[in-house]
N, C-alpha and C. Protein backbone atom coordinates (compact mmCIF):
# COMPACT_ATOMS: atom_id res chain seq x y z
N UNK A 1 -53.03 -30.37 -50.75
CA UNK A 1 -52.40 -29.10 -50.65
C UNK A 1 -51.81 -29.08 -52.30
N UNK A 2 -50.24 -30.43 -51.89
CA UNK A 2 -48.79 -30.76 -52.55
C UNK A 2 -49.33 -30.59 -54.11
N UNK A 3 -50.78 -31.33 -54.25
CA UNK A 3 -51.43 -31.67 -55.61
C UNK A 3 -52.01 -30.87 -56.02
N UNK A 4 -51.86 -29.46 -55.86
CA UNK A 4 -53.25 -28.10 -56.09
C UNK A 4 -51.36 -27.61 -56.74
N UNK A 5 -50.08 -27.20 -55.90
CA UNK A 5 -49.25 -26.77 -56.25
C UNK A 5 -48.58 -27.85 -57.36
N UNK A 6 -48.52 -28.67 -57.77
CA UNK A 6 -47.76 -29.63 -58.75
C UNK A 6 -48.55 -28.80 -59.73
N UNK A 7 -49.47 -29.34 -60.22
CA UNK A 7 -50.47 -28.86 -60.73
C UNK A 7 -50.37 -27.22 -61.65
N UNK A 8 -49.92 -26.47 -60.49
CA UNK A 8 -50.30 -25.06 -60.28
C UNK A 8 -48.75 -24.66 -61.35
N UNK A 9 -47.61 -25.70 -60.87
CA UNK A 9 -46.20 -25.82 -61.49
C UNK A 9 -45.75 -26.28 -63.69
N UNK A 10 -46.73 -26.97 -63.88
CA UNK A 10 -47.01 -27.68 -65.19
C UNK A 10 -48.44 -26.72 -65.64
N UNK A 11 -49.22 -26.82 -65.23
CA UNK A 11 -49.86 -26.27 -65.69
C UNK A 11 -49.78 -24.89 -67.01
N UNK A 12 -49.82 -24.54 -68.10
CA UNK A 12 -49.65 -24.02 -69.23
C UNK A 12 -50.71 -22.79 -69.79
N UNK A 13 -51.88 -22.89 -69.25
CA UNK A 13 -52.90 -22.16 -69.63
C UNK A 13 -52.81 -20.80 -69.66
N UNK A 14 -53.31 -20.00 -69.95
CA UNK A 14 -52.79 -18.62 -69.75
C UNK A 14 -51.63 -17.90 -69.95
N UNK A 15 -50.99 -18.45 -70.68
CA UNK A 15 -49.46 -18.29 -71.01
C UNK A 15 -49.25 -17.31 -71.53
N UNK A 16 -49.89 -17.38 -72.94
CA UNK A 16 -50.13 -17.25 -74.16
C UNK A 16 -50.49 -15.76 -74.08
N UNK A 17 -51.99 -15.37 -72.90
CA UNK A 17 -52.66 -14.05 -73.05
C UNK A 17 -50.89 -13.52 -71.48
N UNK A 18 -50.66 -13.51 -70.76
CA UNK A 18 -49.27 -13.13 -70.28
C UNK A 18 -48.70 -12.88 -71.35
N UNK A 19 -48.04 -13.47 -72.44
CA UNK A 19 -46.37 -13.31 -73.10
C UNK A 19 -47.45 -11.87 -74.03
N UNK A 20 -48.84 -12.54 -74.44
CA UNK A 20 -49.22 -11.20 -75.34
C UNK A 20 -49.61 -9.61 -74.34
N UNK A 21 -50.09 -10.02 -73.19
CA UNK A 21 -49.87 -8.62 -72.66
C UNK A 21 -48.64 -7.89 -72.34
N UNK A 22 -47.50 -8.82 -72.26
CA UNK A 22 -46.27 -7.96 -71.66
C UNK A 22 -45.41 -7.69 -73.35
N UNK A 23 -45.71 -8.08 -74.17
CA UNK A 23 -45.29 -7.75 -75.88
C UNK A 23 -46.51 -6.32 -76.40
N UNK A 24 -47.76 -6.29 -75.96
CA UNK A 24 -48.62 -5.36 -76.28
C UNK A 24 -47.40 -3.88 -75.32
N UNK A 25 -47.52 -4.38 -73.87
CA UNK A 25 -46.68 -3.31 -73.25
C UNK A 25 -45.60 -2.96 -74.18
N UNK A 26 -44.96 -3.96 -74.78
CA UNK A 26 -43.44 -3.27 -75.06
C UNK A 26 -43.18 -2.60 -76.42
N UNK A 27 -45.23 -2.91 -77.65
CA UNK A 27 -45.19 -2.34 -78.23
C UNK A 27 -45.48 -0.75 -78.22
N UNK A 28 -46.29 -0.66 -77.13
CA UNK A 28 -47.01 0.25 -77.16
C UNK A 28 -45.61 1.45 -77.10
N UNK A 29 -44.92 0.81 -75.61
CA UNK A 29 -43.72 1.76 -75.84
C UNK A 29 -42.87 1.85 -76.84
N UNK A 30 -42.88 1.29 -77.08
CA UNK A 30 -41.84 1.11 -78.95
C UNK A 30 -43.24 2.53 -79.17
N UNK A 31 -43.89 2.24 -79.81
CA UNK A 31 -45.12 3.48 -80.47
C UNK A 31 -44.44 4.82 -79.95
N UNK A 32 -44.63 4.74 -78.88
CA UNK A 32 -44.80 6.25 -78.03
C UNK A 32 -43.53 6.61 -78.06
N UNK A 33 -42.56 6.04 -77.59
CA UNK A 33 -40.96 6.35 -78.29
C UNK A 33 -40.57 7.11 -79.21
N UNK A 34 -41.47 6.16 -79.85
CA UNK A 34 -41.15 6.39 -81.46
C UNK A 34 -41.98 7.57 -81.80
N UNK A 35 -43.65 8.07 -81.23
CA UNK A 35 -43.82 9.57 -81.75
C UNK A 35 -42.96 10.53 -81.13
N UNK A 36 -42.40 10.23 -79.60
CA UNK A 36 -42.15 11.33 -79.39
C UNK A 36 -40.56 11.74 -79.38
N UNK A 37 -39.80 11.07 -79.83
CA UNK A 37 -39.04 11.36 -80.77
C UNK A 37 -38.61 11.40 -82.50
N UNK A 38 -39.44 11.60 -82.27
CA UNK A 38 -39.93 12.00 -84.16
C UNK A 38 -39.71 13.78 -83.89
N UNK A 39 -41.12 13.69 -83.45
CA UNK A 39 -41.65 15.61 -82.84
C UNK A 39 -40.01 16.13 -82.17
N UNK A 40 -39.25 15.37 -81.03
CA UNK A 40 -38.04 15.98 -80.34
C UNK A 40 -37.43 16.35 -81.92
N UNK A 41 -36.65 15.48 -83.01
CA UNK A 41 -36.20 15.80 -83.48
C UNK A 41 -36.50 16.86 -84.93
N UNK A 42 -37.93 17.17 -84.85
CA UNK A 42 -38.35 17.87 -85.29
C UNK A 42 -38.55 19.16 -85.09
N UNK A 43 -38.60 19.81 -83.02
CA UNK A 43 -38.36 20.45 -82.80
C UNK A 43 -37.19 21.00 -82.95
N UNK A 44 -35.89 20.08 -82.70
CA UNK A 44 -34.30 21.04 -82.66
C UNK A 44 -34.26 20.97 -84.44
N UNK A 45 -34.30 20.16 -85.57
CA UNK A 45 -34.65 21.13 -87.15
C UNK A 45 -35.30 22.52 -86.76
N UNK A 46 -36.34 22.50 -86.26
CA UNK A 46 -36.90 23.39 -86.09
C UNK A 46 -36.75 25.06 -85.92
N UNK A 47 -36.29 24.35 -84.39
CA UNK A 47 -35.36 25.34 -84.09
C UNK A 47 -33.72 25.78 -84.11
N UNK A 48 -33.50 24.36 -85.52
CA UNK A 48 -31.84 25.02 -85.69
C UNK A 48 -32.29 26.18 -87.36
N UNK A 49 -33.35 26.42 -87.41
CA UNK A 49 -33.97 27.45 -88.96
C UNK A 49 -34.30 28.39 -88.07
N UNK A 50 -34.62 28.01 -87.07
CA UNK A 50 -35.39 29.73 -86.52
C UNK A 50 -33.84 30.19 -85.44
N UNK A 51 -33.05 29.49 -85.34
CA UNK A 51 -31.86 30.39 -84.76
C UNK A 51 -30.68 30.74 -86.60
N UNK A 52 -30.81 30.39 -86.89
CA UNK A 52 -29.65 30.36 -88.48
C UNK A 52 -30.30 31.20 -88.99
N UNK A 53 -31.90 31.43 -89.37
CA UNK A 53 -32.46 33.11 -89.62
C UNK A 53 -31.89 33.59 -88.84
N UNK A 54 -32.03 33.47 -87.03
CA UNK A 54 -31.23 34.41 -86.41
C UNK A 54 -30.45 34.92 -86.40
N UNK A 55 -29.28 34.32 -86.80
CA UNK A 55 -27.99 34.61 -86.84
C UNK A 55 -27.52 35.19 -88.08
N UNK A 56 -28.31 35.13 -89.55
CA UNK A 56 -28.60 36.66 -90.22
C UNK A 56 -29.22 38.00 -90.10
N UNK A 57 -30.22 37.69 -89.51
CA UNK A 57 -30.42 38.85 -89.70
C UNK A 57 -29.92 39.67 -88.83
N UNK A 58 -29.17 39.07 -87.35
CA UNK A 58 -28.63 39.70 -86.75
C UNK A 58 -27.27 39.85 -87.02
N UNK A 59 -26.26 39.67 -87.75
CA UNK A 59 -25.25 39.90 -88.37
C UNK A 59 -25.50 40.84 -89.50
N UNK A 60 -26.55 40.92 -90.39
CA UNK A 60 -26.86 41.90 -91.18
C UNK A 60 -27.08 42.78 -90.39
N UNK A 61 -27.40 43.20 -89.59
CA UNK A 61 -27.86 44.28 -88.79
C UNK A 61 -25.99 44.96 -87.28
N UNK A 62 -25.46 43.82 -87.71
CA UNK A 62 -24.61 44.36 -86.71
C UNK A 62 -23.56 45.18 -86.26
N UNK A 63 -23.67 46.56 -87.32
CA UNK A 63 -22.63 47.25 -87.40
C UNK A 63 -24.02 48.69 -86.93
N UNK A 64 -25.01 48.21 -86.67
CA UNK A 64 -26.54 50.15 -86.79
C UNK A 64 -26.72 49.40 -86.00
N UNK A 65 -27.20 48.70 -84.88
CA UNK A 65 -27.52 48.17 -83.37
C UNK A 65 -26.96 48.25 -82.57
N UNK A 66 -27.23 48.67 -81.51
CA UNK A 66 -26.64 48.73 -79.97
C UNK A 66 -27.34 46.54 -79.99
N UNK A 67 -25.83 46.25 -78.74
CA UNK A 67 -25.78 45.09 -78.34
C UNK A 67 -27.37 44.19 -78.21
N UNK A 68 -27.91 45.21 -77.32
CA UNK A 68 -29.41 44.82 -76.28
C UNK A 68 -30.24 44.45 -77.83
N UNK A 69 -30.74 45.51 -78.71
CA UNK A 69 -30.69 45.48 -79.41
C UNK A 69 -31.38 44.42 -80.93
N UNK A 70 -29.72 43.65 -80.90
CA UNK A 70 -29.01 42.79 -81.76
C UNK A 70 -29.55 41.15 -80.70
N UNK A 71 -30.06 41.44 -79.37
CA UNK A 71 -30.43 40.42 -79.21
C UNK A 71 -31.86 40.33 -78.79
N UNK A 72 -32.73 42.04 -78.74
CA UNK A 72 -33.95 41.68 -78.77
C UNK A 72 -34.31 40.84 -80.45
N UNK A 73 -34.01 41.55 -81.42
CA UNK A 73 -33.99 40.70 -83.07
C UNK A 73 -33.83 39.72 -82.76
N UNK A 74 -32.57 39.24 -82.27
CA UNK A 74 -32.72 37.63 -82.86
C UNK A 74 -33.20 36.62 -81.39
N UNK A 75 -33.82 37.18 -80.68
CA UNK A 75 -35.40 35.93 -79.85
C UNK A 75 -36.30 36.38 -80.52
N UNK A 76 -36.23 37.95 -80.85
CA UNK A 76 -37.68 38.37 -82.15
C UNK A 76 -37.81 36.83 -83.12
N UNK A 77 -36.52 37.02 -84.07
CA UNK A 77 -36.73 36.25 -84.85
C UNK A 77 -37.03 34.69 -84.70
N UNK A 78 -36.24 34.18 -83.78
CA UNK A 78 -36.14 32.95 -83.45
C UNK A 78 -37.62 32.17 -82.21
N UNK A 79 -38.24 33.16 -82.12
CA UNK A 79 -39.77 33.05 -80.94
C UNK A 79 -40.58 33.12 -82.66
N UNK A 80 -40.67 34.03 -83.30
CA UNK A 80 -41.48 34.27 -84.54
C UNK A 80 -41.16 32.72 -85.54
N UNK A 81 -40.03 32.69 -85.85
CA UNK A 81 -40.05 31.46 -87.02
C UNK A 81 -39.87 29.78 -85.72
N UNK A 82 -40.05 29.91 -85.02
CA UNK A 82 -39.69 28.48 -83.93
C UNK A 82 -41.82 28.13 -83.24
N UNK A 83 -42.32 28.96 -83.65
CA UNK A 83 -43.47 28.90 -82.73
C UNK A 83 -44.53 28.95 -83.87
N UNK A 84 -44.25 29.22 -85.50
CA UNK A 84 -44.69 28.46 -86.01
C UNK A 84 -44.81 27.54 -86.54
N UNK A 85 -44.32 26.18 -85.66
CA UNK A 85 -44.81 24.76 -86.26
C UNK A 85 -45.38 24.38 -85.10
N UNK A 86 -46.33 23.63 -85.34
CA UNK A 86 -47.89 23.00 -84.76
C UNK A 86 -47.10 21.62 -84.21
N UNK A 87 -46.68 21.33 -85.23
CA UNK A 87 -46.16 19.81 -85.06
C UNK A 87 -45.86 20.10 -83.80
N UNK A 88 -45.57 20.80 -82.47
CA UNK A 88 -44.61 20.23 -81.72
C UNK A 88 -45.18 19.89 -80.48
N UNK A 89 -46.81 19.80 -80.13
CA UNK A 89 -47.39 19.50 -79.41
C UNK A 89 -48.26 19.13 -79.70
N UNK A 90 -49.26 17.73 -78.90
CA UNK A 90 -50.48 17.57 -79.03
C UNK A 90 -51.47 17.89 -78.46
N UNK A 91 -51.29 18.22 -77.04
CA UNK A 91 -52.03 18.58 -76.15
C UNK A 91 -52.00 20.48 -76.66
N UNK A 92 -53.17 21.01 -75.09
CA UNK A 92 -53.31 22.89 -75.46
C UNK A 92 -52.14 23.31 -74.83
N UNK A 93 -51.13 22.03 -74.00
CA UNK A 93 -49.72 22.37 -73.55
C UNK A 93 -49.06 23.89 -74.23
N UNK A 94 -49.16 25.36 -74.85
CA UNK A 94 -48.01 26.18 -74.98
C UNK A 94 -46.60 25.23 -74.91
N UNK A 95 -46.05 25.34 -75.45
CA UNK A 95 -44.87 25.66 -75.80
C UNK A 95 -44.29 26.07 -75.25
N UNK A 96 -43.22 26.00 -74.06
CA UNK A 96 -42.02 27.90 -73.73
C UNK A 96 -41.59 28.28 -75.15
N UNK A 97 -41.24 29.91 -74.35
CA UNK A 97 -40.60 30.45 -75.66
C UNK A 97 -39.47 30.07 -75.30
N UNK A 98 -38.60 29.90 -76.72
CA UNK A 98 -37.38 29.33 -76.92
C UNK A 98 -36.87 30.53 -76.01
N UNK A 99 -34.92 29.41 -75.37
CA UNK A 99 -33.65 30.87 -74.60
C UNK A 99 -32.73 31.31 -75.76
N UNK A 100 -32.65 32.90 -75.98
CA UNK A 100 -31.81 32.75 -76.89
C UNK A 100 -30.69 33.76 -75.73
N UNK A 101 -29.54 33.03 -76.37
CA UNK A 101 -27.75 34.17 -76.12
C UNK A 101 -27.09 34.32 -76.93
N UNK A 102 -27.57 35.63 -76.82
CA UNK A 102 -26.66 36.03 -78.01
C UNK A 102 -25.30 36.78 -77.85
N UNK A 103 -23.91 36.30 -77.99
CA UNK A 103 -22.40 37.40 -77.69
C UNK A 103 -21.94 37.40 -78.98
N UNK A 104 -21.66 38.54 -79.19
CA UNK A 104 -20.78 39.18 -79.82
C UNK A 104 -20.00 39.79 -79.57
N UNK A 105 -18.88 39.79 -81.21
CA UNK A 105 -17.49 40.69 -80.89
C UNK A 105 -17.49 41.31 -81.91
N UNK A 106 -17.03 42.87 -80.93
CA UNK A 106 -17.29 43.66 -82.28
C UNK A 106 -16.08 43.67 -82.66
N UNK A 107 -15.26 43.28 -82.64
CA UNK A 107 -13.50 43.19 -82.89
C UNK A 107 -13.36 42.91 -83.87
N UNK A 108 -14.05 41.43 -84.57
CA UNK A 108 -13.69 40.45 -85.01
C UNK A 108 -15.47 40.38 -85.45
N UNK A 109 -16.42 40.97 -85.60
CA UNK A 109 -17.41 41.07 -86.17
C UNK A 109 -18.29 39.83 -86.13
N UNK A 110 -17.75 38.43 -85.06
CA UNK A 110 -18.18 37.70 -84.70
C UNK A 110 -20.03 37.79 -84.14
N UNK A 111 -20.54 36.80 -84.54
CA UNK A 111 -21.95 36.79 -83.33
C UNK A 111 -22.09 34.91 -83.21
N UNK A 112 -22.14 35.01 -82.12
CA UNK A 112 -22.42 33.37 -81.57
C UNK A 112 -23.84 33.88 -80.96
N UNK A 113 -24.79 32.79 -81.85
CA UNK A 113 -26.60 32.23 -81.43
C UNK A 113 -26.34 31.06 -80.30
N UNK A 114 -27.46 30.69 -79.30
CA UNK A 114 -27.74 29.49 -78.91
C UNK A 114 -28.75 29.76 -78.32
N UNK A 115 -29.20 28.82 -78.47
CA UNK A 115 -30.65 28.75 -78.50
C UNK A 115 -31.44 27.44 -77.63
N UNK A 116 -32.57 27.84 -76.96
CA UNK A 116 -32.54 25.67 -76.42
C UNK A 116 -33.72 25.88 -76.28
N UNK A 117 -35.32 25.02 -76.45
CA UNK A 117 -35.90 25.19 -76.00
C UNK A 117 -36.93 23.47 -75.30
N UNK A 118 -38.00 23.43 -74.47
CA UNK A 118 -38.22 22.40 -73.84
C UNK A 118 -39.12 21.78 -74.36
N UNK A 119 -39.29 21.15 -75.42
CA UNK A 119 -40.28 19.93 -75.56
C UNK A 119 -40.95 19.27 -74.64
N UNK A 120 -42.17 19.41 -74.09
CA UNK A 120 -43.56 18.01 -73.64
C UNK A 120 -43.30 17.13 -74.40
N UNK A 121 -43.39 15.73 -73.27
CA UNK A 121 -43.25 14.55 -73.83
C UNK A 121 -45.05 14.74 -74.15
N UNK A 122 -45.37 14.23 -74.74
CA UNK A 122 -47.31 13.71 -74.42
C UNK A 122 -47.36 12.10 -74.20
N UNK A 123 -46.76 11.37 -75.10
CA UNK A 123 -46.81 9.75 -75.32
C UNK A 123 -45.80 8.86 -74.01
N UNK A 124 -44.30 9.42 -73.53
CA UNK A 124 -43.64 9.35 -72.57
C UNK A 124 -44.47 9.84 -71.67
N UNK A 125 -44.99 10.95 -71.45
CA UNK A 125 -44.86 11.07 -70.61
C UNK A 125 -45.90 10.49 -69.57
N UNK A 126 -47.10 10.10 -70.06
CA UNK A 126 -47.73 9.46 -69.87
C UNK A 126 -47.21 8.13 -69.08
N UNK A 127 -46.67 7.21 -70.54
CA UNK A 127 -45.53 5.97 -69.40
C UNK A 127 -44.50 6.01 -68.50
N UNK A 128 -44.75 7.87 -67.95
CA UNK A 128 -44.16 8.30 -66.90
C UNK A 128 -42.22 8.34 -66.81
N UNK A 129 -41.56 8.19 -68.22
CA UNK A 129 -40.80 8.75 -68.64
C UNK A 129 -40.25 9.74 -68.34
N UNK A 130 -40.58 10.78 -69.45
CA UNK A 130 -40.03 11.89 -69.18
C UNK A 130 -41.33 13.22 -69.52
N UNK A 131 -40.98 14.22 -68.72
CA UNK A 131 -41.28 15.10 -68.33
C UNK A 131 -41.39 16.23 -69.67
N UNK A 132 -40.09 17.16 -70.26
CA UNK A 132 -39.71 16.88 -71.52
C UNK A 132 -38.25 16.92 -71.83
N UNK A 133 -38.35 17.51 -72.64
CA UNK A 133 -37.05 17.18 -73.31
C UNK A 133 -36.47 18.65 -73.98
N UNK A 134 -34.71 19.34 -73.53
CA UNK A 134 -34.49 19.58 -73.73
C UNK A 134 -34.02 19.93 -75.73
N UNK A 135 -34.05 20.32 -76.11
CA UNK A 135 -33.30 20.77 -77.73
C UNK A 135 -32.32 22.30 -77.87
N UNK A 136 -31.71 21.92 -78.22
CA UNK A 136 -30.46 23.28 -78.32
C UNK A 136 -29.94 23.18 -79.47
N UNK A 137 -29.33 24.75 -79.80
CA UNK A 137 -28.77 24.91 -81.15
C UNK A 137 -27.37 26.23 -80.72
N UNK A 138 -26.68 25.47 -82.02
CA UNK A 138 -25.34 27.18 -81.86
C UNK A 138 -25.07 27.17 -83.12
N UNK A 139 -25.51 28.36 -83.57
CA UNK A 139 -24.58 28.67 -84.46
C UNK A 139 -24.06 29.95 -84.59
N UNK A 140 -23.04 30.19 -85.22
CA UNK A 140 -22.12 31.26 -85.83
C UNK A 140 -21.81 31.86 -87.31
N UNK A 141 -22.24 33.20 -87.69
CA UNK A 141 -21.75 34.64 -88.29
C UNK A 141 -20.82 35.24 -87.63
N UNK A 142 -19.96 36.34 -89.30
CA UNK A 142 -19.32 36.42 -89.22
C UNK A 142 -19.65 37.82 -89.67
N UNK A 143 -19.57 38.94 -89.10
CA UNK A 143 -19.91 39.79 -90.03
C UNK A 143 -18.74 40.84 -90.28
N UNK A 144 -18.39 40.94 -91.48
CA UNK A 144 -16.81 41.27 -92.07
C UNK A 144 -16.99 42.93 -92.34
N UNK A 145 -16.35 43.63 -92.37
CA UNK A 145 -16.18 44.83 -92.19
C UNK A 145 -15.58 45.09 -93.80
N UNK A 146 -16.67 46.49 -93.79
CA UNK A 146 -15.75 46.89 -95.39
C UNK A 146 -14.69 47.14 -95.94
N UNK A 147 -14.38 46.83 -96.96
CA UNK A 147 -12.98 47.25 -97.19
C UNK A 147 -13.68 49.17 -97.81
N UNK A 148 -12.44 50.24 -97.32
CA UNK A 148 -12.35 50.91 -97.39
C UNK A 148 -12.19 51.72 -98.68
């Protein structure tokens, strides 16, 4: 019995397979991380573009619409431009609509829009790392009063 234990300690057969299996797991995890992180950056970029479009549309209509109508306008613009990105998911799961918070200051004409969206992971979820990641953006615009 002692002889078998000593032989097991010095045996090197199968060591390459073990190293290959560990390396393969690390490589697959790295690829999954890279793919999902690129999707997160694409989603953040798309959300930023949609938010910027919404704050500009809101600023242009600031003097003509009520605060509730401005919020509805901003949410509509963000949703229309954010959901035109088909690259954000690989599955049939629909991405939830982004949340939009609009703050207006009638005195200064300042409009601040904060938007956030939860992006589901695909490959990182399969490896039990994350279920979803929240991306957010914030923009401020100023509607200056016309001179009389």
